[in-house]
Amino acid sequence: MRLTILGSGTNVHPTRAAAGYLVQTDQTLLLDFGPRTLMNLIKTGVDRHRITHVLFSHFHADHFSDFITFFFDAMIFTKYQGGKRPPLTVIGPPGTRSLFKTLFATLPGFSRAPFGVTLKEVDDRPFWIGRTKVLPRRVTHSPRLHCLGYRLEYSGKVLAYSGDSQYCTSLVRLCGDADLAVLDCSFPANQPGPVHLHAGQCGQVAHEAGVGQLILSHFYPIADQYDVKAQAGERYEGTIIVVGYSPSSRGSPPKISINLVRRDILTGSSSFA
């Protein structure tokens, strides 16, 4: 299993792209698709026209908006440039079908795709994509908004992704004994904000869940002004990676290969295996 972090910021961040994660198992999957992540996907060298599944945690713009550019590009590629691509499956919480049907019917150039498009709504029941097991689980984020975290299992390795979440028992269960957990670290512990985890809570979740490695991501600009790694480390003794910086020297190397795009919107990458 290989994880490439395409974006670790929020909607408008001076140096970070918004939420987006490329996961490679026997499949090539995307977890969320926020602003500026499409260009980082292209930088990885992965053929965007071979991606078959996009999994959304929810539909706030910072997790979703680059899908519009991605899909329009796929339409141009297949309709007018002689390109071919495999069917595309869009996965998300309840409401996914109605949202995408409205988008496809409303936006110019989005109807009648020359490739198959499947819209799939999921909620707390496991399913398989090839040999990759996916377990979505509802987490607590904003009132009246259905937000999912995802747990991916492949070849004996487990990756957990919080999406956007507050501290909740559902998130701890999602991350239980995961080799690697990517958590919403929107705020420093000394400057907490609403409807998101802060760094201390990320450490708490990682400790209670017994995760092998912790990645802090989804930073608001204020989080970059404080030592969120140290704050998370007050409650979690394993390896902590703050996206855009070097991994902690504590603990063993991650079982899941991690590719970090430095400062997200800049060219270049570093691998930690």
C-alpha atoms as a PDB file:
ATOM      1  CA  MET A   1       0.000   0.000   0.000  1.00  0.00           C
ATOM      2  CA  ARG A   2       1.281   3.436  -0.901  1.00  0.00           C
ATOM      3  CA  LEU A   3      -0.107   6.784   0.254  1.00  0.00           C
ATOM      4  CA  THR A   4       0.675  10.052  -1.530  1.00  0.00           C
ATOM      5  CA  ILE A   5      -0.484  13.221   0.186  1.00  0.00           C
ATOM      6  CA  LEU A   6      -1.663  15.607  -2.502  1.00  0.00           C
ATOM      7  CA  GLY A   7      -2.860  18.282  -0.127  1.00  0.00           C
ATOM      8  CA  SER A   8      -2.791  18.876   3.616  1.00  0.00           C
ATOM      9  CA  GLY A   9      -4.356  22.318   3.959  1.00  0.00           C
ATOM     10  CA  THR A  10      -7.812  23.787   3.844  1.00  0.00           C
ATOM     11  CA  ASN A  11      -9.808  25.759   1.310  1.00  0.00           C
ATOM     12  CA  VAL A  12      -7.526  28.806   1.046  1.00  0.00           C
ATOM     13  CA  HIS A  13      -4.045  28.266   2.473  1.00  0.00           C
ATOM     14  CA  PRO A  14      -0.923  30.223   1.454  1.00  0.00           C
ATOM     15  CA  THR A  15       1.331  27.183   0.953  1.00  0.00           C
ATOM     16  CA  ARG A  16      -0.762  24.019   1.140  1.00  0.00           C
ATOM     17  CA  ALA A  17      -3.223  22.452  -1.253  1.00  0.00           C
ATOM     18  CA  ALA A  18      -6.507  21.378   0.294  1.00  0.00           C
ATOM     19  CA  ALA A  19      -7.503  17.803   1.204  1.00  0.00           C
ATOM     20  CA  GLY A  20      -6.555  15.055  -1.222  1.00  0.00           C
ATOM     21  CA  TYR A  21      -4.878  11.644  -0.891  1.00  0.00           C
ATOM     22  CA  LEU A  22      -3.783   9.153  -3.533  1.00  0.00           C
ATOM     23  CA  VAL A  23      -3.846   5.528  -2.356  1.00  0.00           C
ATOM     24  CA  GLN A  24      -2.280   2.761  -4.438  1.00  0.00           C
ATOM     25  CA  THR A  25      -3.030  -0.870  -3.632  1.00  0.00           C
ATOM     26  CA  ASP A  26      -4.169  -3.273  -6.347  1.00  0.00           C
ATOM     27  CA  GLN A  27      -6.277  -0.240  -7.252  1.00  0.00           C
ATOM     28  CA  THR A  28      -5.525   3.466  -7.709  1.00  0.00           C
ATOM     29  CA  LEU A  29      -7.913   5.446  -5.532  1.00  0.00           C
ATOM     30  CA  LEU A  30      -8.440   9.023  -4.418  1.00  0.00           C
ATOM     31  CA  LEU A  31      -9.653  10.042  -0.975  1.00  0.00           C
ATOM     32  CA  ASP A  32     -11.172  13.513  -1.398  1.00  0.00           C
ATOM     33  CA  PHE A  33     -10.258  15.963  -4.142  1.00  0.00           C
ATOM     34  CA  GLY A  34      -9.888  19.504  -2.807  1.00  0.00           C
ATOM     35  CA  PRO A  35      -8.614  22.656  -4.532  1.00  0.00           C
ATOM     36  CA  ARG A  36      -5.127  22.464  -6.097  1.00  0.00           C
ATOM     37  CA  THR A  37      -4.797  18.704  -5.562  1.00  0.00           C
ATOM     38  CA  LEU A  38      -5.336  17.876  -9.241  1.00  0.00           C
ATOM     39  CA  MET A  39      -2.075  19.582 -10.230  1.00  0.00           C
ATOM     40  CA  ASN A  40      -0.261  17.709  -7.474  1.00  0.00           C
ATOM     41  CA  LEU A  41      -1.758  14.467  -8.769  1.00  0.00           C
ATOM     42  CA  ILE A  42      -0.307  15.266 -12.191  1.00  0.00           C
ATOM     43  CA  LYS A  43       3.104  15.917 -10.598  1.00  0.00           C
ATOM     44  CA  THR A  44       3.172  12.373  -9.205  1.00  0.00           C
ATOM     45  CA  GLY A  45       3.292  10.922 -12.722  1.00  0.00           C
ATOM     46  CA  VAL A  46       0.199   8.794 -12.072  1.00  0.00           C
ATOM     47  CA  ASP A  47      -2.074   8.778 -15.125  1.00  0.00           C
ATOM     48  CA  ARG A  48      -5.194  10.616 -13.969  1.00  0.00           C
ATOM     49  CA  HIS A  49      -7.189   8.917 -16.721  1.00  0.00           C
ATOM     50  CA  ARG A  50      -6.559   5.512 -15.103  1.00  0.00           C
ATOM     51  CA  ILE A  51      -8.109   6.431 -11.754  1.00  0.00           C
ATOM     52  CA  THR A  52     -11.261   4.381 -11.326  1.00  0.00           C
ATOM     53  CA  HIS A  53     -12.580   5.317  -7.863  1.00  0.00           C
ATOM     54  CA  VAL A  54     -12.906   8.601  -5.988  1.00  0.00           C
ATOM     55  CA  LEU A  55     -14.081   8.376  -2.377  1.00  0.00           C
ATOM     56  CA  PHE A  56     -15.449  11.514  -0.740  1.00  0.00           C
ATOM     57  CA  SER A  57     -15.698  12.032   2.994  1.00  0.00           C
ATOM     58  CA  HIS A  58     -18.189  14.886   2.520  1.00  0.00           C
ATOM     59  CA  PHE A  59     -18.845  17.741   0.139  1.00  0.00           C
ATOM     60  CA  HIS A  60     -17.403  20.859   1.671  1.00  0.00           C
ATOM     61  CA  ALA A  61     -15.545  22.611  -1.148  1.00  0.00           C
ATOM     62  CA  ASP A  62     -12.079  22.023   0.330  1.00  0.00           C
ATOM     63  CA  HIS A  63     -12.614  18.264  -0.085  1.00  0.00           C
ATOM     64  CA  PHE A  64     -14.418  18.285  -3.398  1.00  0.00           C
ATOM     65  CA  SER A  65     -13.918  21.152  -5.840  1.00  0.00           C
ATOM     66  CA  ASP A  66     -11.058  19.789  -7.986  1.00  0.00           C
ATOM     67  CA  PHE A  67     -13.296  16.898  -9.021  1.00  0.00           C
ATOM     68  CA  ILE A  68     -15.119  19.345 -11.291  1.00  0.00           C
ATOM     69  CA  THR A  69     -11.923  20.153 -13.191  1.00  0.00           C
ATOM     70  CA  PHE A  70     -10.894  16.486 -13.179  1.00  0.00           C
ATOM     71  CA  PHE A  71     -14.185  15.330 -14.673  1.00  0.00           C
ATOM     72  CA  PHE A  72     -14.338  18.082 -17.304  1.00  0.00           C
ATOM     73  CA  ASP A  73     -10.787  17.155 -18.317  1.00  0.00           C
ATOM     74  CA  ALA A  74     -11.876  13.514 -18.650  1.00  0.00           C
ATOM     75  CA  MET A  75     -14.778  14.547 -20.867  1.00  0.00           C
ATOM     76  CA  ILE A  76     -12.507  16.568 -23.169  1.00  0.00           C
ATOM     77  CA  PHE A  77      -9.945  13.734 -23.247  1.00  0.00           C
ATOM     78  CA  THR A  78     -12.478  11.074 -24.232  1.00  0.00           C
ATOM     79  CA  LYS A  79     -14.809  13.122 -26.453  1.00  0.00           C
ATOM     80  CA  TYR A  80     -12.392  15.240 -28.443  1.00  0.00           C
ATOM     81  CA  GLN A  81      -8.836  13.974 -28.004  1.00  0.00           C
ATOM     82  CA  GLY A  82      -9.352  10.325 -28.893  1.00  0.00           C
ATOM     83  CA  GLY A  83      -8.616   9.161 -25.372  1.00  0.00           C
ATOM     84  CA  LYS A  84     -10.106   6.226 -23.536  1.00  0.00           C
ATOM     85  CA  ARG A  85     -10.481   5.640 -19.849  1.00  0.00           C
ATOM     86  CA  PRO A  86     -12.018   2.910 -17.676  1.00  0.00           C
ATOM     87  CA  PRO A  87     -15.344   3.428 -15.914  1.00  0.00           C
ATOM     88  CA  LEU A  88     -15.333   5.849 -12.987  1.00  0.00           C
ATOM     89  CA  THR A  89     -17.024   5.185  -9.645  1.00  0.00           C
ATOM     90  CA  VAL A  90     -17.786   8.098  -7.324  1.00  0.00           C
ATOM     91  CA  ILE A  91     -18.346   7.042  -3.713  1.00  0.00           C
ATOM     92  CA  GLY A  92     -19.616   9.161  -0.841  1.00  0.00           C
ATOM     93  CA  PRO A  93     -22.159   9.583   1.946  1.00  0.00           C
ATOM     94  CA  PRO A  94     -25.933   9.690   1.463  1.00  0.00           C
ATOM     95  CA  GLY A  95     -26.781  12.524  -0.898  1.00  0.00           C
ATOM     96  CA  THR A  96     -23.964  11.697  -3.318  1.00  0.00           C
ATOM     97  CA  ARG A  97     -26.269  10.556  -6.122  1.00  0.00           C
ATOM     98  CA  SER A  98     -28.502  13.613  -6.062  1.00  0.00           C
ATOM     99  CA  LEU A  99     -25.539  16.004  -5.895  1.00  0.00           C
ATOM    100  CA  PHE A 100     -23.692  14.493  -8.846  1.00  0.00           C
ATOM    101  CA  LYS A 101     -26.789  13.997 -10.955  1.00  0.00           C
ATOM    102  CA  THR A 102     -27.522  17.695 -10.500  1.00  0.00           C
ATOM    103  CA  LEU A 103     -23.928  18.649 -11.348  1.00  0.00           C
ATOM    104  CA  PHE A 104     -23.826  16.478 -14.460  1.00  0.00           C
ATOM    105  CA  ALA A 105     -27.181  17.833 -15.648  1.00  0.00           C
ATOM    106  CA  THR A 106     -26.359  21.471 -14.928  1.00  0.00           C
ATOM    107  CA  LEU A 107     -22.722  22.109 -15.820  1.00  0.00           C
ATOM    108  CA  PRO A 108     -22.042  22.583 -19.558  1.00  0.00           C
ATOM    109  CA  GLY A 109     -20.137  19.693 -21.101  1.00  0.00           C
ATOM    110  CA  PHE A 110     -20.768  17.262 -18.251  1.00  0.00           C
ATOM    111  CA  SER A 111     -23.581  15.155 -19.708  1.00  0.00           C
ATOM    112  CA  ARG A 112     -23.327  11.963 -21.766  1.00  0.00           C
ATOM    113  CA  ALA A 113     -19.887  10.809 -20.707  1.00  0.00           C
ATOM    114  CA  PRO A 114     -18.300   8.364 -23.189  1.00  0.00           C
ATOM    115  CA  PHE A 115     -17.229   6.206 -20.232  1.00  0.00           C
ATOM    116  CA  GLY A 116     -19.216   4.543 -17.498  1.00  0.00           C
ATOM    117  CA  VAL A 117     -19.977   6.578 -14.381  1.00  0.00           C
ATOM    118  CA  THR A 118     -21.347   4.908 -11.242  1.00  0.00           C
ATOM    119  CA  LEU A 119     -22.553   6.842  -8.194  1.00  0.00           C
ATOM    120  CA  LYS A 120     -22.404   4.862  -4.970  1.00  0.00           C
ATOM    121  CA  GLU A 121     -23.659   5.925  -1.538  1.00  0.00           C
ATOM    122  CA  VAL A 122     -22.132   4.216   1.496  1.00  0.00           C
ATOM    123  CA  ASP A 123     -22.591   4.313   5.236  1.00  0.00           C
ATOM    124  CA  ASP A 124     -20.903   2.103   7.856  1.00  0.00           C
ATOM    125  CA  ARG A 125     -20.885  -1.114   5.818  1.00  0.00           C
ATOM    126  CA  PRO A 126     -17.687  -2.588   4.376  1.00  0.00           C
ATOM    127  CA  PHE A 127     -17.259  -3.182   0.662  1.00  0.00           C
ATOM    128  CA  TRP A 128     -14.481  -4.248  -1.682  1.00  0.00           C
ATOM    129  CA  ILE A 129     -12.734  -2.515  -4.555  1.00  0.00           C
ATOM    130  CA  GLY A 130     -10.783  -5.317  -6.158  1.00  0.00           C
ATOM    131  CA  ARG A 131      -8.771  -6.863  -3.308  1.00  0.00           C
ATOM    132  CA  THR A 132      -8.932  -3.689  -1.214  1.00  0.00           C
ATOM    133  CA  LYS A 133     -11.429  -3.731   1.646  1.00  0.00           C
ATOM    134  CA  VAL A 134     -13.016  -0.376   2.427  1.00  0.00           C
ATOM    135  CA  LEU A 135     -14.868   0.371   5.648  1.00  0.00           C
ATOM    136  CA  PRO A 136     -16.624   3.754   5.771  1.00  0.00           C
ATOM    137  CA  ARG A 137     -17.734   5.022   9.137  1.00  0.00           C
ATOM    138  CA  ARG A 138     -19.755   8.098   9.991  1.00  0.00           C
ATOM    139  CA  VAL A 139     -17.863  10.610  12.107  1.00  0.00           C
ATOM    140  CA  THR A 140     -19.000  13.812  13.826  1.00  0.00           C
ATOM    141  CA  HIS A 141     -18.166  17.002  11.941  1.00  0.00           C
ATOM    142  CA  SER A 142     -20.721  19.748  11.252  1.00  0.00           C
ATOM    143  CA  PRO A 143     -24.349  19.691  12.393  1.00  0.00           C
ATOM    144  CA  ARG A 144     -26.713  18.087   9.862  1.00  0.00           C
ATOM    145  CA  LEU A 145     -23.803  17.047   7.637  1.00  0.00           C
ATOM    146  CA  HIS A 146     -23.126  13.360   6.994  1.00  0.00           C
ATOM    147  CA  CYS A 147     -19.330  13.005   7.026  1.00  0.00           C
ATOM    148  CA  LEU A 148     -17.401   9.758   6.584  1.00  0.00           C
ATOM    149  CA  GLY A 149     -14.001   8.515   7.576  1.00  0.00           C
ATOM    150  CA  TYR A 150     -12.522   5.592   5.657  1.00  0.00           C
ATOM    151  CA  ARG A 151     -10.521   2.543   6.663  1.00  0.00           C
ATOM    152  CA  LEU A 152      -8.666   0.753   3.856  1.00  0.00           C
ATOM    153  CA  GLU A 153      -7.233  -2.742   4.304  1.00  0.00           C
ATOM    154  CA  TYR A 154      -4.946  -4.392   1.780  1.00  0.00           C
ATOM    155  CA  SER A 155      -2.318  -7.123   1.954  1.00  0.00           C
ATOM    156  CA  GLY A 156      -2.201  -7.069   5.747  1.00  0.00           C
ATOM    157  CA  LYS A 157      -1.877  -3.280   6.019  1.00  0.00           C
ATOM    158  CA  VAL A 158      -4.438  -0.802   7.315  1.00  0.00           C
ATOM    159  CA  LEU A 159      -4.805   2.906   6.539  1.00  0.00           C
ATOM    160  CA  ALA A 160      -7.363   5.045   8.377  1.00  0.00           C
ATOM    161  CA  TYR A 161      -8.456   8.485   7.196  1.00  0.00           C
ATOM    162  CA  SER A 162     -10.591  10.714   9.398  1.00  0.00           C
ATOM    163  CA  GLY A 163     -12.004  13.065   6.779  1.00  0.00           C
ATOM    164  CA  ASP A 164     -13.130  16.092   8.770  1.00  0.00           C
ATOM    165  CA  SER A 165     -14.004  15.121  12.302  1.00  0.00           C
ATOM    166  CA  GLN A 166     -14.321  16.162  15.876  1.00  0.00           C
ATOM    167  CA  TYR A 167     -13.238  13.768  18.611  1.00  0.00           C
ATOM    168  CA  CYS A 168     -15.760  10.923  18.698  1.00  0.00           C
ATOM    169  CA  THR A 169     -15.797   7.234  19.590  1.00  0.00           C
ATOM    170  CA  SER A 170     -16.642   6.373  15.987  1.00  0.00           C
ATOM    171  CA  LEU A 171     -13.317   7.850  14.859  1.00  0.00           C
ATOM    172  CA  VAL A 172     -11.405   5.898  17.500  1.00  0.00           C
ATOM    173  CA  ARG A 173     -13.076   2.697  16.296  1.00  0.00           C
ATOM    174  CA  LEU A 174     -12.280   3.531  12.671  1.00  0.00           C
ATOM    175  CA  CYS A 175      -8.589   3.915  13.538  1.00  0.00           C
ATOM    176  CA  GLY A 176      -8.362   0.844  15.780  1.00  0.00           C
ATOM    177  CA  ASP A 177      -4.927  -0.844  15.366  1.00  0.00           C
ATOM    178  CA  ALA A 178      -4.361   0.843  11.998  1.00  0.00           C
ATOM    179  CA  ASP A 179      -0.791   0.853  10.719  1.00  0.00           C
ATOM    180  CA  LEU A 180      -1.223   4.492   9.718  1.00  0.00           C
ATOM    181  CA  ALA A 181      -3.856   7.092  10.597  1.00  0.00           C
ATOM    182  CA  VAL A 182      -4.264  10.399   8.738  1.00  0.00           C
ATOM    183  CA  LEU A 183      -6.128  12.775  11.037  1.00  0.00           C
ATOM    184  CA  ASP A 184      -7.732  16.194  10.727  1.00  0.00           C
ATOM    185  CA  CYS A 185      -5.369  18.477  12.670  1.00  0.00           C
ATOM    186  CA  SER A 186      -7.040  21.766  11.845  1.00  0.00           C
ATOM    187  CA  PHE A 187      -5.935  23.631  14.942  1.00  0.00           C
ATOM    188  CA  PRO A 188      -3.242  23.704  17.617  1.00  0.00           C
ATOM    189  CA  ALA A 189      -4.297  22.478  21.032  1.00  0.00           C
ATOM    190  CA  ASN A 190      -3.882  25.947  22.547  1.00  0.00           C
ATOM    191  CA  GLN A 191      -6.075  27.551  19.863  1.00  0.00           C
ATOM    192  CA  PRO A 192      -8.893  25.035  19.269  1.00  0.00           C
ATOM    193  CA  GLY A 193     -11.609  25.779  16.751  1.00  0.00           C
ATOM    194  CA  PRO A 194     -15.094  24.426  16.052  1.00  0.00           C
ATOM    195  CA  VAL A 195     -16.092  21.148  14.334  1.00  0.00           C
ATOM    196  CA  HIS A 196     -12.522  19.857  13.885  1.00  0.00           C
ATOM    197  CA  LEU A 197      -9.850  18.067  15.889  1.00  0.00           C
ATOM    198  CA  HIS A 198      -6.957  19.943  17.409  1.00  0.00           C
ATOM    199  CA  ALA A 199      -3.456  18.493  17.732  1.00  0.00           C
ATOM    200  CA  GLY A 200      -3.926  17.194  21.269  1.00  0.00           C
ATOM    201  CA  GLN A 201      -7.077  15.346  20.266  1.00  0.00           C
ATOM    202  CA  CYS A 202      -5.240  13.793  17.310  1.00  0.00           C
ATOM    203  CA  GLY A 203      -2.738  12.376  19.765  1.00  0.00           C
ATOM    204  CA  GLN A 204      -5.573  11.194  21.986  1.00  0.00           C
ATOM    205  CA  VAL A 205      -7.291   9.361  19.115  1.00  0.00           C
ATOM    206  CA  ALA A 206      -4.019   7.746  18.009  1.00  0.00           C
ATOM    207  CA  HIS A 207      -3.265   6.613  21.570  1.00  0.00           C
ATOM    208  CA  GLU A 208      -6.731   5.235  22.272  1.00  0.00           C
ATOM    209  CA  ALA A 209      -6.887   3.488  18.897  1.00  0.00           C
ATOM    210  CA  GLY A 210      -3.394   2.004  19.170  1.00  0.00           C
ATOM    211  CA  VAL A 211      -2.291   3.172  15.716  1.00  0.00           C
ATOM    212  CA  GLY A 212       1.202   2.411  14.472  1.00  0.00           C
ATOM    213  CA  GLN A 213       1.949   5.800  12.879  1.00  0.00           C
ATOM    214  CA  LEU A 214       0.150   9.144  12.960  1.00  0.00           C
ATOM    215  CA  ILE A 215       0.019  11.704  10.158  1.00  0.00           C
ATOM    216  CA  LEU A 216      -1.242  15.181  11.033  1.00  0.00           C
ATOM    217  CA  SER A 217      -2.939  16.905   8.114  1.00  0.00           C
ATOM    218  CA  HIS A 218      -5.732  19.336   7.113  1.00  0.00           C
ATOM    219  CA  PHE A 219      -4.063  22.404   8.627  1.00  0.00           C
ATOM    220  CA  TYR A 220      -5.589  25.827   8.909  1.00  0.00           C
ATOM    221  CA  PRO A 221      -2.849  28.477   8.701  1.00  0.00           C
ATOM    222  CA  ILE A 222      -2.878  28.947  12.475  1.00  0.00           C
ATOM    223  CA  ALA A 223      -1.812  25.323  12.972  1.00  0.00           C
ATOM    224  CA  ASP A 224       1.454  26.056  11.143  1.00  0.00           C
ATOM    225  CA  GLN A 225       2.329  28.671  13.757  1.00  0.00           C
ATOM    226  CA  TYR A 226       2.627  26.154  16.614  1.00  0.00           C
ATOM    227  CA  ASP A 227       4.415  22.880  17.332  1.00  0.00           C
ATOM    228  CA  VAL A 228       1.437  20.621  16.691  1.00  0.00           C
ATOM    229  CA  LYS A 229       3.720  17.592  16.568  1.00  0.00           C
ATOM    230  CA  ALA A 230       4.790  18.156  20.174  1.00  0.00           C
ATOM    231  CA  GLN A 231       1.192  18.778  21.201  1.00  0.00           C
ATOM    232  CA  ALA A 232       0.037  15.497  19.673  1.00  0.00           C
ATOM    233  CA  GLY A 233       3.049  13.780  21.216  1.00  0.00           C
ATOM    234  CA  GLU A 234       1.871  14.636  24.718  1.00  0.00           C
ATOM    235  CA  ARG A 235      -0.748  11.887  24.334  1.00  0.00           C
ATOM    236  CA  TYR A 236       0.752   9.597  21.719  1.00  0.00           C
ATOM    237  CA  GLU A 237       4.206   8.025  21.883  1.00  0.00           C
ATOM    238  CA  GLY A 238       4.418   6.581  18.372  1.00  0.00           C
ATOM    239  CA  THR A 239       5.856   8.097  15.225  1.00  0.00           C
ATOM    240  CA  ILE A 240       4.238  11.386  14.238  1.00  0.00           C
ATOM    241  CA  ILE A 241       4.560  12.885  10.765  1.00  0.00           C
ATOM    242  CA  VAL A 242       3.597  16.505  10.216  1.00  0.00           C
ATOM    243  CA  VAL A 243       2.997  16.889   6.500  1.00  0.00           C
ATOM    244  CA  GLY A 244       5.593  19.194   5.002  1.00  0.00           C
ATOM    245  CA  TYR A 245       8.224  18.332   7.590  1.00  0.00           C
ATOM    246  CA  SER A 246      10.396  15.338   8.434  1.00  0.00           C
ATOM    247  CA  PRO A 247       8.919  12.346  10.236  1.00  0.00           C
ATOM    248  CA  SER A 248       9.629  11.859  13.912  1.00  0.00           C
ATOM    249  CA  SER A 249      12.638   9.760  14.747  1.00  0.00           C
ATOM    250  CA  ARG A 250      10.633   7.844  17.309  1.00  0.00           C
ATOM    251  CA  GLY A 251       9.369   4.386  16.403  1.00  0.00           C
ATOM    252  CA  SER A 252       9.873   2.149  13.393  1.00  0.00           C
ATOM    253  CA  PRO A 253       9.437   3.179   9.732  1.00  0.00           C
ATOM    254  CA  PRO A 254       5.838   3.141   8.473  1.00  0.00           C
ATOM    255  CA  LYS A 255       4.558  -0.169   7.160  1.00  0.00           C
ATOM    256  CA  ILE A 256       2.722   1.790   4.490  1.00  0.00           C
ATOM    257  CA  SER A 257       4.988   3.606   2.061  1.00  0.00           C
ATOM    258  CA  ILE A 258       4.342   7.340   2.269  1.00  0.00           C
ATOM    259  CA  ASN A 259       5.049   9.914  -0.384  1.00  0.00           C
ATOM    260  CA  LEU A 260       4.881  13.476   0.882  1.00  0.00           C
ATOM    261  CA  VAL A 261       4.666  16.370  -1.549  1.00  0.00           C
ATOM    262  CA  ARG A 262       6.654  19.070   0.219  1.00  0.00           C
ATOM    263  CA  ARG A 263       4.495  22.082   1.053  1.00  0.00           C
ATOM    264  CA  ASP A 264       1.931  20.518  -1.255  1.00  0.00           C
ATOM    265  CA  ILE A 265       1.779  23.093  -4.024  1.00  0.00           C
ATOM    266  CA  LEU A 266       5.508  23.060  -4.774  1.00  0.00           C
ATOM    267  CA  THR A 267       7.276  20.778  -7.212  1.00  0.00           C
ATOM    268  CA  GLY A 268       9.068  17.740  -5.812  1.00  0.00           C
ATOM    269  CA  SER A 269       8.422  14.991  -3.348  1.00  0.00           C
ATOM    270  CA  SER A 270      10.110  12.934  -0.680  1.00  0.00           C
ATOM    271  CA  SER A 271       9.462   9.321   0.196  1.00  0.00           C
ATOM    272  CA  PHE A 272       9.542   7.707   3.602  1.00  0.00           C
ATOM    273  CA  ALA A 273       9.466   3.907   3.580  1.00  0.00           C
END
